[in-house]
Amino acid sequence: MTPVTISPKFQIVIPKDIREGMDLKPGMKCELIRMGGILKVVPIVPIEQMMGAFKGIDTTVIREPDREL
């Protein structure tokens, strides 16, 4: 864990080792999620970067008989 300080403008600096480990870049968008007393910072990944992320996954959809095409 690396402690950070909240500035008077309520800003924090993400430590270098975390930025590099998560491949964070300036201008990236993130979601802030509050879970009780925990604050999660989740990078928003553009859909274009997700291409190929699930290569080889079985996309077969089993449908109920009344839903068949």
N, C-alpha and C. Protein backbone atom coordinates (compact mmCIF):
# COMPACT_ATOMS: atom_id res chain seq x y z
N MET A 1 0.84 -1.18 0.00
CA MET A 1 0.00 0.00 0.00
C MET A 1 0.88 1.24 0.00
N THR A 2 0.43 2.22 -0.75
CA THR A 2 1.14 3.49 -0.82
C THR A 2 0.18 4.60 -0.40
N PRO A 3 0.47 5.30 0.69
CA PRO A 3 -0.44 6.38 1.10
C PRO A 3 -0.35 7.57 0.14
N VAL A 4 -1.48 8.20 -0.09
CA VAL A 4 -1.54 9.42 -0.91
C VAL A 4 -2.20 10.51 -0.07
N THR A 5 -1.99 11.76 -0.48
CA THR A 5 -2.55 12.90 0.22
C THR A 5 -3.58 13.58 -0.66
N ILE A 6 -4.71 13.94 -0.09
CA ILE A 6 -5.74 14.67 -0.82
C ILE A 6 -5.39 16.15 -0.75
N SER A 7 -5.31 16.79 -1.93
CA SER A 7 -4.96 18.21 -1.99
C SER A 7 -6.14 19.07 -1.56
N PRO A 8 -5.92 20.37 -1.35
CA PRO A 8 -7.03 21.27 -1.01
C PRO A 8 -8.13 21.29 -2.09
N LYS A 9 -7.78 20.89 -3.33
CA LYS A 9 -8.76 20.82 -4.42
C LYS A 9 -9.35 19.42 -4.54
N PHE A 10 -9.13 18.57 -3.52
CA PHE A 10 -9.62 17.20 -3.49
C PHE A 10 -9.04 16.34 -4.62
N GLN A 11 -7.79 16.58 -4.98
CA GLN A 11 -7.11 15.79 -6.00
C GLN A 11 -6.09 14.88 -5.33
N ILE A 12 -5.83 13.74 -5.99
CA ILE A 12 -4.78 12.86 -5.51
C ILE A 12 -3.87 12.53 -6.70
N VAL A 13 -2.63 12.13 -6.39
CA VAL A 13 -1.70 11.69 -7.42
C VAL A 13 -1.60 10.18 -7.30
N ILE A 14 -1.83 9.47 -8.41
CA ILE A 14 -1.69 8.02 -8.41
C ILE A 14 -0.20 7.71 -8.48
N PRO A 15 0.33 6.96 -7.52
CA PRO A 15 1.76 6.67 -7.51
C PRO A 15 2.25 6.02 -8.81
N LYS A 16 3.49 6.31 -9.17
CA LYS A 16 4.07 5.86 -10.44
C LYS A 16 4.00 4.35 -10.61
N ASP A 17 4.32 3.58 -9.57
CA ASP A 17 4.31 2.13 -9.72
C ASP A 17 2.90 1.60 -10.03
N ILE A 18 1.88 2.23 -9.49
CA ILE A 18 0.50 1.83 -9.78
C ILE A 18 0.11 2.25 -11.19
N ARG A 19 0.46 3.50 -11.58
CA ARG A 19 0.16 3.98 -12.95
C ARG A 19 0.78 3.06 -13.99
N GLU A 20 2.06 2.72 -13.79
CA GLU A 20 2.75 1.87 -14.76
C GLU A 20 2.20 0.45 -14.75
N GLY A 21 1.92 -0.07 -13.56
CA GLY A 21 1.40 -1.43 -13.45
C GLY A 21 0.03 -1.61 -14.08
N MET A 22 -0.76 -0.52 -14.10
CA MET A 22 -2.10 -0.58 -14.69
C MET A 22 -2.14 0.06 -16.07
N ASP A 23 -0.99 0.50 -16.57
CA ASP A 23 -0.88 1.15 -17.88
C ASP A 23 -1.83 2.34 -18.01
N LEU A 24 -1.89 3.16 -16.95
CA LEU A 24 -2.73 4.36 -16.97
C LEU A 24 -2.02 5.46 -17.73
N LYS A 25 -2.77 6.21 -18.51
CA LYS A 25 -2.23 7.29 -19.33
C LYS A 25 -2.96 8.59 -19.01
N PRO A 26 -2.31 9.74 -19.20
CA PRO A 26 -2.99 11.03 -18.99
C PRO A 26 -4.22 11.14 -19.89
N GLY A 27 -5.30 11.63 -19.33
CA GLY A 27 -6.52 11.82 -20.10
C GLY A 27 -7.47 10.63 -20.06
N MET A 28 -7.01 9.49 -19.53
CA MET A 28 -7.90 8.32 -19.44
C MET A 28 -9.06 8.63 -18.51
N LYS A 29 -10.21 8.06 -18.82
CA LYS A 29 -11.39 8.20 -17.97
C LYS A 29 -11.45 7.03 -16.99
N CYS A 30 -11.94 7.30 -15.78
CA CYS A 30 -12.09 6.28 -14.75
C CYS A 30 -13.43 6.45 -14.07
N GLU A 31 -13.94 5.36 -13.54
CA GLU A 31 -15.13 5.38 -12.70
C GLU A 31 -14.67 5.35 -11.25
N LEU A 32 -15.33 6.09 -10.39
CA LEU A 32 -15.09 6.02 -8.96
C LEU A 32 -16.28 5.29 -8.35
N ILE A 33 -16.01 4.21 -7.63
CA ILE A 33 -17.08 3.41 -7.04
C ILE A 33 -16.86 3.37 -5.53
N ARG A 34 -17.86 3.78 -4.79
CA ARG A 34 -17.78 3.75 -3.33
C ARG A 34 -18.43 2.47 -2.83
N MET A 35 -17.67 1.69 -2.07
CA MET A 35 -18.16 0.43 -1.50
C MET A 35 -17.92 0.50 -0.01
N GLY A 36 -18.89 0.98 0.72
CA GLY A 36 -18.72 1.17 2.15
C GLY A 36 -17.65 2.23 2.38
N GLY A 37 -16.59 1.87 3.10
CA GLY A 37 -15.49 2.79 3.36
C GLY A 37 -14.36 2.66 2.37
N ILE A 38 -14.60 1.98 1.24
CA ILE A 38 -13.55 1.77 0.23
C ILE A 38 -13.92 2.53 -1.04
N LEU A 39 -12.93 3.18 -1.64
CA LEU A 39 -13.11 3.89 -2.90
C LEU A 39 -12.32 3.14 -3.96
N LYS A 40 -13.01 2.67 -5.00
CA LYS A 40 -12.36 1.95 -6.10
C LYS A 40 -12.26 2.87 -7.29
N VAL A 41 -11.10 2.87 -7.94
CA VAL A 41 -10.88 3.63 -9.16
C VAL A 41 -10.75 2.60 -10.27
N VAL A 42 -11.70 2.62 -11.22
CA VAL A 42 -11.75 1.63 -12.28
C VAL A 42 -11.59 2.32 -13.62
N PRO A 43 -10.50 2.02 -14.35
CA PRO A 43 -10.32 2.63 -15.67
C PRO A 43 -11.43 2.21 -16.63
N ILE A 44 -11.88 3.15 -17.44
CA ILE A 44 -12.87 2.86 -18.48
C ILE A 44 -12.10 2.55 -19.74
N VAL A 45 -12.28 1.32 -20.24
CA VAL A 45 -11.55 0.88 -21.42
C VAL A 45 -12.44 1.05 -22.64
N PRO A 46 -11.97 1.80 -23.65
CA PRO A 46 -12.78 1.96 -24.87
C PRO A 46 -13.04 0.61 -25.52
N ILE A 47 -14.23 0.43 -26.08
CA ILE A 47 -14.63 -0.85 -26.66
C ILE A 47 -13.66 -1.29 -27.76
N GLU A 48 -13.06 -0.34 -28.46
CA GLU A 48 -12.12 -0.67 -29.53
C GLU A 48 -10.93 -1.46 -28.98
N GLN A 49 -10.53 -1.18 -27.74
CA GLN A 49 -9.41 -1.88 -27.14
C GLN A 49 -9.79 -3.27 -26.66
N MET A 50 -11.07 -3.57 -26.61
CA MET A 50 -11.53 -4.87 -26.13
C MET A 50 -11.55 -5.93 -27.23
N MET A 51 -11.37 -5.51 -28.50
CA MET A 51 -11.40 -6.48 -29.60
C MET A 51 -10.35 -7.55 -29.37
N GLY A 52 -10.79 -8.80 -29.44
CA GLY A 52 -9.88 -9.92 -29.27
C GLY A 52 -9.67 -10.33 -27.82
N ALA A 53 -10.26 -9.59 -26.89
CA ALA A 53 -10.06 -9.90 -25.47
C ALA A 53 -10.65 -11.26 -25.09
N PHE A 54 -11.67 -11.71 -25.80
CA PHE A 54 -12.34 -12.97 -25.48
C PHE A 54 -12.19 -13.98 -26.61
N LYS A 55 -11.06 -13.93 -27.29
CA LYS A 55 -10.81 -14.83 -28.42
C LYS A 55 -10.90 -16.28 -27.95
N GLY A 56 -11.64 -17.08 -28.71
CA GLY A 56 -11.78 -18.49 -28.38
C GLY A 56 -12.95 -18.81 -27.47
N ILE A 57 -13.67 -17.79 -27.01
CA ILE A 57 -14.81 -18.03 -26.12
C ILE A 57 -15.95 -18.67 -26.91
N ASP A 58 -16.68 -19.57 -26.27
CA ASP A 58 -17.82 -20.23 -26.91
C ASP A 58 -18.99 -19.25 -26.93
N THR A 59 -19.42 -18.87 -28.12
CA THR A 59 -20.52 -17.90 -28.25
C THR A 59 -21.85 -18.58 -28.56
N THR A 60 -21.89 -19.90 -28.41
CA THR A 60 -23.13 -20.63 -28.64
C THR A 60 -24.16 -20.21 -27.60
N VAL A 61 -25.34 -19.89 -28.07
CA VAL A 61 -26.42 -19.49 -27.17
C VAL A 61 -27.50 -20.56 -27.23
N ILE A 62 -27.78 -21.17 -26.09
CA ILE A 62 -28.85 -22.16 -26.04
C ILE A 62 -30.14 -21.41 -25.74
N ARG A 63 -31.07 -21.53 -26.68
CA ARG A 63 -32.34 -20.81 -26.54
C ARG A 63 -33.46 -21.76 -26.17
N GLU A 64 -34.46 -21.22 -25.52
CA GLU A 64 -35.65 -22.00 -25.23
C GLU A 64 -36.36 -22.27 -26.54
N PRO A 65 -37.07 -23.40 -26.65
CA PRO A 65 -37.71 -23.76 -27.93
C PRO A 65 -38.59 -22.67 -28.53
N ASP A 66 -39.30 -21.91 -27.71
CA ASP A 66 -40.18 -20.87 -28.25
C ASP A 66 -39.42 -19.62 -28.69
N ARG A 67 -38.08 -19.59 -28.48
CA ARG A 67 -37.25 -18.44 -28.86
C ARG A 67 -36.39 -18.73 -30.08
N GLU A 68 -36.51 -19.92 -30.66
CA GLU A 68 -35.71 -20.27 -31.84
C GLU A 68 -36.04 -19.37 -33.01
N LEU A 69 -35.04 -19.12 -33.82
CA LEU A 69 -35.25 -18.28 -35.01
C LEU A 69 -35.79 -19.10 -36.15
